[in-house]
Amino acid sequence: MNWFRKSVIACKQLLSKRFRKKKKKETLETVEKDGLIYVEVQPKRLSRAGKIRFLCYVCIILLVLVVLVCTAFAADDPLTVINNLSSFIFSVIRAIGLILLGWGIVQVGLSLQSHDPSQRSNGFLTLAGGIIITFAKEILTLITGG
């Protein structure tokens, strides 16, 4: 137990040296060069409480990264791996299609508000493209018959 007490005391001493209050420096400094006056800005230093908060945030993030580790189970069959990759890629494509679909709806709504026919046509084209991209996997299975 003695070694534990010594290590705690050493950590306290280290932290007290590390977070010791220092003299505040002026944040603005003027320098005259070539007949002109330049103002140099010194970066602000974190206060002791700010340093402790930052240290706590870093510790919490590290704790979350260590605790929430998810084990990846590899499949034995290479075809299963390819199917999993294919479904992941199609889910990403579907997300992009949904974003385009939403943006198309916004464009059509704005064009109806401003009575702009070119914006309306762009909105409908974006809307149609978003629908096609969203349902790309279903369209491909219909085309290939699988």
N, C-alpha and C. Protein backbone atom coordinates (compact mmCIF):
# COMPACT_ATOMS: atom_id res chain seq x y z
N MET A 1 0.81 -1.18 0.00
CA MET A 1 0.00 0.00 0.00
C MET A 1 0.86 1.26 0.00
N ASN A 2 2.08 1.13 0.47
CA ASN A 2 2.98 2.26 0.54
C ASN A 2 3.34 2.78 -0.85
N TRP A 3 3.52 1.88 -1.80
CA TRP A 3 3.88 2.29 -3.16
C TRP A 3 2.73 3.05 -3.81
N PHE A 4 1.48 2.67 -3.46
CA PHE A 4 0.32 3.35 -4.02
C PHE A 4 0.25 4.78 -3.50
N ARG A 5 0.48 4.96 -2.21
CA ARG A 5 0.45 6.29 -1.61
C ARG A 5 1.54 7.17 -2.20
N LYS A 6 2.72 6.59 -2.43
CA LYS A 6 3.81 7.36 -3.02
C LYS A 6 3.48 7.78 -4.45
N SER A 7 2.85 6.88 -5.21
CA SER A 7 2.52 7.22 -6.59
C SER A 7 1.44 8.30 -6.64
N VAL A 8 0.48 8.26 -5.70
CA VAL A 8 -0.55 9.30 -5.67
C VAL A 8 0.06 10.65 -5.31
N ILE A 9 0.97 10.67 -4.36
CA ILE A 9 1.65 11.91 -3.98
C ILE A 9 2.47 12.46 -5.14
N ALA A 10 3.15 11.56 -5.87
CA ALA A 10 3.94 11.99 -7.02
C ALA A 10 3.05 12.60 -8.10
N CYS A 11 1.87 11.98 -8.34
CA CYS A 11 0.94 12.52 -9.33
C CYS A 11 0.41 13.89 -8.91
N LYS A 12 0.10 14.05 -7.62
CA LYS A 12 -0.36 15.35 -7.14
C LYS A 12 0.70 16.42 -7.32
N GLN A 13 1.94 16.08 -7.03
CA GLN A 13 3.02 17.05 -7.19
C GLN A 13 3.20 17.41 -8.66
N LEU A 14 3.12 16.42 -9.52
CA LEU A 14 3.27 16.68 -10.95
C LEU A 14 2.15 17.59 -11.44
N LEU A 15 0.91 17.30 -11.04
CA LEU A 15 -0.22 18.12 -11.47
C LEU A 15 -0.13 19.52 -10.89
N SER A 16 0.34 19.66 -9.64
CA SER A 16 0.43 20.99 -9.07
C SER A 16 1.50 21.82 -9.78
N LYS A 17 2.57 21.18 -10.24
CA LYS A 17 3.59 21.90 -11.01
C LYS A 17 3.04 22.25 -12.39
N ARG A 18 2.30 21.32 -12.95
CA ARG A 18 1.81 21.49 -14.32
C ARG A 18 0.75 22.59 -14.41
N PHE A 19 -0.13 22.66 -13.43
CA PHE A 19 -1.24 23.60 -13.48
C PHE A 19 -1.03 24.79 -12.57
N ARG A 20 0.20 25.12 -12.28
CA ARG A 20 0.50 26.26 -11.44
C ARG A 20 0.12 27.55 -12.17
N LYS A 21 -0.44 28.49 -11.43
CA LYS A 21 -0.83 29.76 -12.04
C LYS A 21 0.41 30.54 -12.43
N LYS A 22 0.36 31.09 -13.62
CA LYS A 22 1.46 31.90 -14.11
C LYS A 22 1.00 33.34 -14.23
N LYS A 23 1.96 34.23 -14.36
CA LYS A 23 1.62 35.63 -14.56
C LYS A 23 0.92 35.79 -15.90
N LYS A 24 -0.11 36.62 -15.89
CA LYS A 24 -0.81 36.86 -17.14
C LYS A 24 0.00 37.83 -17.98
N LYS A 25 0.18 37.46 -19.22
CA LYS A 25 0.88 38.33 -20.15
C LYS A 25 -0.13 39.21 -20.86
N GLU A 26 0.35 40.32 -21.33
CA GLU A 26 -0.53 41.17 -22.12
C GLU A 26 -0.82 40.46 -23.43
N THR A 27 -2.05 40.58 -23.87
CA THR A 27 -2.42 39.89 -25.09
C THR A 27 -2.04 40.68 -26.35
N LEU A 28 -1.86 41.98 -26.23
CA LEU A 28 -1.49 42.79 -27.39
C LEU A 28 -0.10 43.38 -27.18
N GLU A 29 0.72 43.30 -28.19
CA GLU A 29 2.06 43.85 -28.12
C GLU A 29 2.29 44.67 -29.39
N THR A 30 2.79 45.89 -29.24
CA THR A 30 3.03 46.73 -30.41
C THR A 30 4.50 46.69 -30.77
N VAL A 31 4.76 46.59 -32.06
CA VAL A 31 6.13 46.55 -32.58
C VAL A 31 6.22 47.57 -33.71
N GLU A 32 7.28 48.39 -33.68
CA GLU A 32 7.47 49.37 -34.73
C GLU A 32 8.51 48.85 -35.71
N LYS A 33 8.11 48.79 -36.99
CA LYS A 33 9.00 48.27 -38.01
C LYS A 33 8.82 49.11 -39.27
N ASP A 34 9.89 49.63 -39.81
CA ASP A 34 9.87 50.43 -41.04
C ASP A 34 8.93 51.63 -40.93
N GLY A 35 8.86 52.23 -39.78
CA GLY A 35 8.02 53.40 -39.60
C GLY A 35 6.55 53.07 -39.40
N LEU A 36 6.18 51.79 -39.42
CA LEU A 36 4.80 51.38 -39.21
C LEU A 36 4.68 50.70 -37.85
N ILE A 37 3.53 50.79 -37.26
CA ILE A 37 3.30 50.14 -35.97
C ILE A 37 2.46 48.89 -36.21
N TYR A 38 2.98 47.75 -35.83
CA TYR A 38 2.29 46.48 -35.95
C TYR A 38 1.82 46.04 -34.57
N VAL A 39 0.67 45.40 -34.53
CA VAL A 39 0.14 44.87 -33.27
C VAL A 39 0.22 43.35 -33.35
N GLU A 40 0.97 42.76 -32.43
CA GLU A 40 1.08 41.30 -32.38
C GLU A 40 0.15 40.79 -31.29
N VAL A 41 -0.61 39.79 -31.64
CA VAL A 41 -1.55 39.20 -30.69
C VAL A 41 -0.94 37.94 -30.13
N GLN A 42 -0.87 37.85 -28.82
CA GLN A 42 -0.36 36.66 -28.16
C GLN A 42 -1.52 35.69 -27.95
N PRO A 43 -1.31 34.41 -28.16
CA PRO A 43 -2.40 33.45 -27.93
C PRO A 43 -2.76 33.37 -26.45
N LYS A 44 -4.04 33.20 -26.18
CA LYS A 44 -4.49 33.10 -24.80
C LYS A 44 -4.15 31.71 -24.27
N ARG A 45 -3.80 31.66 -23.03
CA ARG A 45 -3.49 30.40 -22.37
C ARG A 45 -4.74 29.90 -21.65
N LEU A 46 -4.84 28.59 -21.56
CA LEU A 46 -5.95 28.02 -20.81
C LEU A 46 -5.76 28.25 -19.32
N SER A 47 -6.84 28.49 -18.66
CA SER A 47 -6.77 28.63 -17.20
C SER A 47 -6.61 27.24 -16.58
N ARG A 48 -6.42 27.21 -15.29
CA ARG A 48 -6.25 25.93 -14.60
C ARG A 48 -7.51 25.07 -14.74
N ALA A 49 -8.67 25.71 -14.57
CA ALA A 49 -9.93 24.97 -14.71
C ALA A 49 -10.11 24.47 -16.14
N GLY A 50 -9.70 25.28 -17.11
CA GLY A 50 -9.80 24.85 -18.50
C GLY A 50 -8.92 23.66 -18.80
N LYS A 51 -7.71 23.67 -18.23
CA LYS A 51 -6.81 22.54 -18.43
C LYS A 51 -7.36 21.27 -17.80
N ILE A 52 -7.94 21.42 -16.61
CA ILE A 52 -8.51 20.24 -15.94
C ILE A 52 -9.71 19.72 -16.73
N ARG A 53 -10.57 20.64 -17.24
CA ARG A 53 -11.70 20.20 -18.07
C ARG A 53 -11.23 19.48 -19.32
N PHE A 54 -10.21 20.03 -19.97
CA PHE A 54 -9.69 19.40 -21.17
C PHE A 54 -9.14 18.01 -20.86
N LEU A 55 -8.43 17.88 -19.74
CA LEU A 55 -7.90 16.59 -19.33
C LEU A 55 -9.03 15.60 -19.05
N CYS A 56 -10.11 16.08 -18.43
CA CYS A 56 -11.27 15.21 -18.16
C CYS A 56 -11.92 14.77 -19.47
N TYR A 57 -12.06 15.69 -20.44
CA TYR A 57 -12.65 15.32 -21.73
C TYR A 57 -11.81 14.26 -22.43
N VAL A 58 -10.52 14.43 -22.42
CA VAL A 58 -9.64 13.45 -23.06
C VAL A 58 -9.77 12.08 -22.38
N CYS A 59 -9.81 12.08 -21.05
CA CYS A 59 -9.96 10.81 -20.32
C CYS A 59 -11.29 10.14 -20.63
N ILE A 60 -12.36 10.94 -20.71
CA ILE A 60 -13.67 10.36 -21.02
C ILE A 60 -13.69 9.78 -22.42
N ILE A 61 -13.10 10.49 -23.38
CA ILE A 61 -13.07 9.98 -24.75
C ILE A 61 -12.26 8.69 -24.83
N LEU A 62 -11.13 8.65 -24.16
CA LEU A 62 -10.33 7.43 -24.16
C LEU A 62 -11.08 6.28 -23.50
N LEU A 63 -11.79 6.56 -22.41
CA LEU A 63 -12.57 5.54 -21.73
C LEU A 63 -13.67 5.00 -22.64
N VAL A 64 -14.35 5.90 -23.35
CA VAL A 64 -15.41 5.47 -24.25
C VAL A 64 -14.84 4.62 -25.38
N LEU A 65 -13.68 5.03 -25.92
CA LEU A 65 -13.08 4.26 -27.00
C LEU A 65 -12.64 2.87 -26.53
N VAL A 66 -12.21 2.76 -25.29
CA VAL A 66 -11.77 1.47 -24.79
C VAL A 66 -12.96 0.59 -24.43
N VAL A 67 -14.00 1.17 -23.83
CA VAL A 67 -15.14 0.38 -23.36
C VAL A 67 -16.04 -0.05 -24.51
N LEU A 68 -16.25 0.82 -25.48
CA LEU A 68 -17.20 0.54 -26.54
C LEU A 68 -16.57 -0.10 -27.77
N VAL A 69 -15.59 -0.94 -27.56
CA VAL A 69 -14.96 -1.63 -28.67
C VAL A 69 -15.87 -2.76 -29.12
N CYS A 70 -16.11 -2.83 -30.41
CA CYS A 70 -16.97 -3.87 -30.97
C CYS A 70 -16.10 -4.90 -31.69
N THR A 71 -16.31 -6.15 -31.35
CA THR A 71 -15.55 -7.21 -31.97
C THR A 71 -16.10 -7.49 -33.36
N ALA A 72 -15.23 -7.60 -34.35
CA ALA A 72 -15.65 -7.89 -35.71
C ALA A 72 -15.46 -9.38 -35.97
N PHE A 73 -16.54 -10.04 -36.35
CA PHE A 73 -16.48 -11.45 -36.65
C PHE A 73 -16.38 -11.63 -38.16
N ALA A 74 -15.34 -12.25 -38.59
CA ALA A 74 -15.12 -12.45 -40.02
C ALA A 74 -15.88 -13.69 -40.47
N ALA A 75 -16.41 -13.62 -41.66
CA ALA A 75 -17.12 -14.77 -42.22
C ALA A 75 -16.13 -15.71 -42.90
N ASP A 76 -16.45 -17.00 -42.87
CA ASP A 76 -15.57 -17.98 -43.49
C ASP A 76 -15.74 -18.01 -45.00
N ASP A 77 -16.93 -17.77 -45.46
CA ASP A 77 -17.23 -17.85 -46.88
C ASP A 77 -16.93 -16.51 -47.55
N PRO A 78 -16.11 -16.51 -48.60
CA PRO A 78 -15.79 -15.24 -49.28
C PRO A 78 -17.02 -14.60 -49.93
N LEU A 79 -17.97 -15.42 -50.34
CA LEU A 79 -19.19 -14.90 -50.96
C LEU A 79 -20.02 -14.10 -49.95
N THR A 80 -20.01 -14.54 -48.70
CA THR A 80 -20.72 -13.82 -47.64
C THR A 80 -20.09 -12.45 -47.42
N VAL A 81 -18.77 -12.40 -47.46
CA VAL A 81 -18.07 -11.12 -47.30
C VAL A 81 -18.44 -10.17 -48.42
N ILE A 82 -18.48 -10.65 -49.63
CA ILE A 82 -18.83 -9.81 -50.78
C ILE A 82 -20.28 -9.35 -50.69
N ASN A 83 -21.17 -10.23 -50.25
CA ASN A 83 -22.58 -9.83 -50.09
C ASN A 83 -22.73 -8.77 -49.01
N ASN A 84 -21.98 -8.92 -47.91
CA ASN A 84 -22.04 -7.91 -46.85
C ASN A 84 -21.52 -6.56 -47.34
N LEU A 85 -20.42 -6.59 -48.11
CA LEU A 85 -19.88 -5.36 -48.67
C LEU A 85 -20.86 -4.73 -49.65
N SER A 86 -21.50 -5.56 -50.45
CA SER A 86 -22.47 -5.06 -51.42
C SER A 86 -23.66 -4.41 -50.71
N SER A 87 -24.15 -5.03 -49.65
CA SER A 87 -25.28 -4.43 -48.93
C SER A 87 -24.87 -3.12 -48.25
N PHE A 88 -23.63 -3.05 -47.75
CA PHE A 88 -23.15 -1.81 -47.15
C PHE A 88 -23.07 -0.70 -48.19
N ILE A 89 -22.51 -1.01 -49.35
CA ILE A 89 -22.38 0.00 -50.41
C ILE A 89 -23.75 0.48 -50.86
N PHE A 90 -24.70 -0.44 -51.01
CA PHE A 90 -26.04 -0.04 -51.42
C PHE A 90 -26.75 0.78 -50.35
N SER A 91 -26.45 0.53 -49.07
CA SER A 91 -27.05 1.36 -48.03
C SER A 91 -26.48 2.77 -48.07
N VAL A 92 -25.19 2.91 -48.37
CA VAL A 92 -24.59 4.24 -48.52
C VAL A 92 -25.20 4.96 -49.72
N ILE A 93 -25.39 4.24 -50.82
CA ILE A 93 -26.00 4.83 -52.02
C ILE A 93 -27.43 5.25 -51.73
N ARG A 94 -28.16 4.43 -50.95
CA ARG A 94 -29.53 4.78 -50.58
C ARG A 94 -29.57 6.06 -49.74
N ALA A 95 -28.60 6.20 -48.83
CA ALA A 95 -28.56 7.41 -48.01
C ALA A 95 -28.31 8.64 -48.87
N ILE A 96 -27.41 8.53 -49.83
CA ILE A 96 -27.15 9.65 -50.75
C ILE A 96 -28.40 9.97 -51.57
N GLY A 97 -29.11 8.92 -52.01
CA GLY A 97 -30.35 9.14 -52.76
C GLY A 97 -31.41 9.84 -51.93
N LEU A 98 -31.52 9.48 -50.65
CA LEU A 98 -32.50 10.14 -49.79
C LEU A 98 -32.14 11.61 -49.58
N ILE A 99 -30.85 11.90 -49.48
CA ILE A 99 -30.43 13.30 -49.35
C ILE A 99 -30.79 14.07 -50.61
N LEU A 100 -30.52 13.49 -51.78
CA LEU A 100 -30.90 14.16 -53.03
C LEU A 100 -32.41 14.32 -53.16
N LEU A 101 -33.14 13.32 -52.70
CA LEU A 101 -34.60 13.39 -52.74
C LEU A 101 -35.10 14.55 -51.89
N GLY A 102 -34.56 14.69 -50.69
CA GLY A 102 -34.95 15.81 -49.83
C GLY A 102 -34.58 17.15 -50.44
N TRP A 103 -33.37 17.23 -51.04
CA TRP A 103 -32.95 18.48 -51.66
C TRP A 103 -33.83 18.82 -52.86
N GLY A 104 -34.26 17.80 -53.61
CA GLY A 104 -35.17 18.04 -54.74
C GLY A 104 -36.51 18.58 -54.28
N ILE A 105 -37.03 18.04 -53.16
CA ILE A 105 -38.29 18.55 -52.63
C ILE A 105 -38.14 20.00 -52.20
N VAL A 106 -37.03 20.33 -51.57
CA VAL A 106 -36.78 21.72 -51.16
C VAL A 106 -36.70 22.63 -52.39
N GLN A 107 -36.02 22.19 -53.44
CA GLN A 107 -35.90 23.02 -54.64
C GLN A 107 -37.24 23.24 -55.31
N VAL A 108 -38.06 22.20 -55.37
CA VAL A 108 -39.38 22.36 -55.99
C VAL A 108 -40.23 23.31 -55.15
N GLY A 109 -40.16 23.18 -53.83
CA GLY A 109 -40.92 24.10 -52.98
C GLY A 109 -40.48 25.54 -53.13
N LEU A 110 -39.17 25.76 -53.21
CA LEU A 110 -38.66 27.13 -53.39
C LEU A 110 -39.04 27.68 -54.76
N SER A 111 -39.05 26.82 -55.78
CA SER A 111 -39.40 27.29 -57.12
C SER A 111 -40.88 27.63 -57.21
N LEU A 112 -41.73 26.88 -56.50
CA LEU A 112 -43.16 27.22 -56.49
C LEU A 112 -43.39 28.54 -55.76
N GLN A 113 -42.56 28.82 -54.77
CA GLN A 113 -42.71 30.07 -54.02
C GLN A 113 -42.24 31.27 -54.84
N SER A 114 -41.14 31.08 -55.61
CA SER A 114 -40.58 32.21 -56.35
C SER A 114 -41.03 32.26 -57.80
N HIS A 115 -41.83 31.31 -58.25
CA HIS A 115 -42.34 31.26 -59.63
C HIS A 115 -41.20 31.25 -60.64
N ASP A 116 -40.19 30.43 -60.39
CA ASP A 116 -39.03 30.34 -61.27
C ASP A 116 -39.08 29.01 -62.01
N PRO A 117 -39.34 29.02 -63.33
CA PRO A 117 -39.49 27.75 -64.06
C PRO A 117 -38.17 26.97 -64.19
N SER A 118 -37.03 27.65 -64.33
CA SER A 118 -35.77 26.91 -64.47
C SER A 118 -35.42 26.21 -63.15
N GLN A 119 -35.68 26.87 -62.03
CA GLN A 119 -35.43 26.24 -60.74
C GLN A 119 -36.40 25.08 -60.53
N ARG A 120 -37.61 25.21 -61.04
CA ARG A 120 -38.59 24.14 -60.91
C ARG A 120 -38.15 22.91 -61.68
N SER A 121 -37.63 23.12 -62.91
CA SER A 121 -37.17 21.97 -63.70
C SER A 121 -35.96 21.32 -63.03
N ASN A 122 -35.04 22.12 -62.49
CA ASN A 122 -33.91 21.55 -61.76
C ASN A 122 -34.37 20.78 -60.53
N GLY A 123 -35.39 21.30 -59.87
CA GLY A 123 -35.93 20.61 -58.69
C GLY A 123 -36.53 19.27 -59.05
N PHE A 124 -37.30 19.23 -60.13
CA PHE A 124 -37.90 17.96 -60.54
C PHE A 124 -36.84 16.96 -61.03
N LEU A 125 -35.80 17.47 -61.70
CA LEU A 125 -34.71 16.56 -62.12
C LEU A 125 -33.98 15.99 -60.90
N THR A 126 -33.72 16.83 -59.90
CA THR A 126 -33.07 16.35 -58.69
C THR A 126 -33.96 15.37 -57.96
N LEU A 127 -35.25 15.64 -57.93
CA LEU A 127 -36.22 14.74 -57.30
C LEU A 127 -36.23 13.39 -57.99
N ALA A 128 -36.25 13.40 -59.32
CA ALA A 128 -36.25 12.13 -60.07
C ALA A 128 -34.93 11.38 -59.87
N GLY A 129 -33.82 12.10 -59.91
CA GLY A 129 -32.53 11.45 -59.67
C GLY A 129 -32.44 10.86 -58.27
N GLY A 130 -32.99 11.56 -57.29
CA GLY A 130 -32.98 11.04 -55.92
C GLY A 130 -33.80 9.78 -55.79
N ILE A 131 -34.95 9.73 -56.48
CA ILE A 131 -35.79 8.52 -56.45
C ILE A 131 -35.06 7.36 -57.11
N ILE A 132 -34.41 7.61 -58.25
CA ILE A 132 -33.69 6.54 -58.95
C ILE A 132 -32.52 6.04 -58.10
N ILE A 133 -31.77 6.95 -57.50
CA ILE A 133 -30.62 6.52 -56.69
C ILE A 133 -31.08 5.80 -55.42
N THR A 134 -32.20 6.26 -54.82
CA THR A 134 -32.69 5.62 -53.61
C THR A 134 -33.09 4.18 -53.87
N PHE A 135 -33.73 3.93 -54.99
CA PHE A 135 -34.20 2.58 -55.29
C PHE A 135 -33.31 1.88 -56.32
N ALA A 136 -32.01 2.18 -56.31
CA ALA A 136 -31.09 1.59 -57.29
C ALA A 136 -30.97 0.08 -57.13
N LYS A 137 -30.91 -0.42 -55.92
CA LYS A 137 -30.77 -1.86 -55.69
C LYS A 137 -31.99 -2.62 -56.20
N GLU A 138 -33.19 -2.08 -55.92
CA GLU A 138 -34.42 -2.74 -56.38
C GLU A 138 -34.52 -2.69 -57.90
N ILE A 139 -34.09 -1.57 -58.49
CA ILE A 139 -34.11 -1.46 -59.95
C ILE A 139 -33.15 -2.48 -60.59
N LEU A 140 -31.96 -2.63 -59.98
CA LEU A 140 -31.00 -3.60 -60.51
C LEU A 140 -31.51 -5.03 -60.38
N THR A 141 -32.17 -5.36 -59.28
CA THR A 141 -32.69 -6.72 -59.14
C THR A 141 -33.84 -6.97 -60.12
N LEU A 142 -34.64 -5.91 -60.43
CA LEU A 142 -35.69 -6.08 -61.43
C LEU A 142 -35.11 -6.28 -62.83
N ILE A 143 -34.04 -5.54 -63.14
CA ILE A 143 -33.42 -5.64 -64.47
C ILE A 143 -32.76 -7.01 -64.64
N THR A 144 -32.00 -7.44 -63.65
CA THR A 144 -31.27 -8.72 -63.78
C THR A 144 -32.14 -9.93 -63.52
N GLY A 145 -33.32 -9.72 -62.93
CA GLY A 145 -34.22 -10.85 -62.70
C GLY A 145 -33.82 -11.69 -61.49
N GLY A 146 -33.01 -11.15 -60.61
CA GLY A 146 -32.55 -11.92 -59.45
C GLY A 146 -33.29 -11.51 -58.27
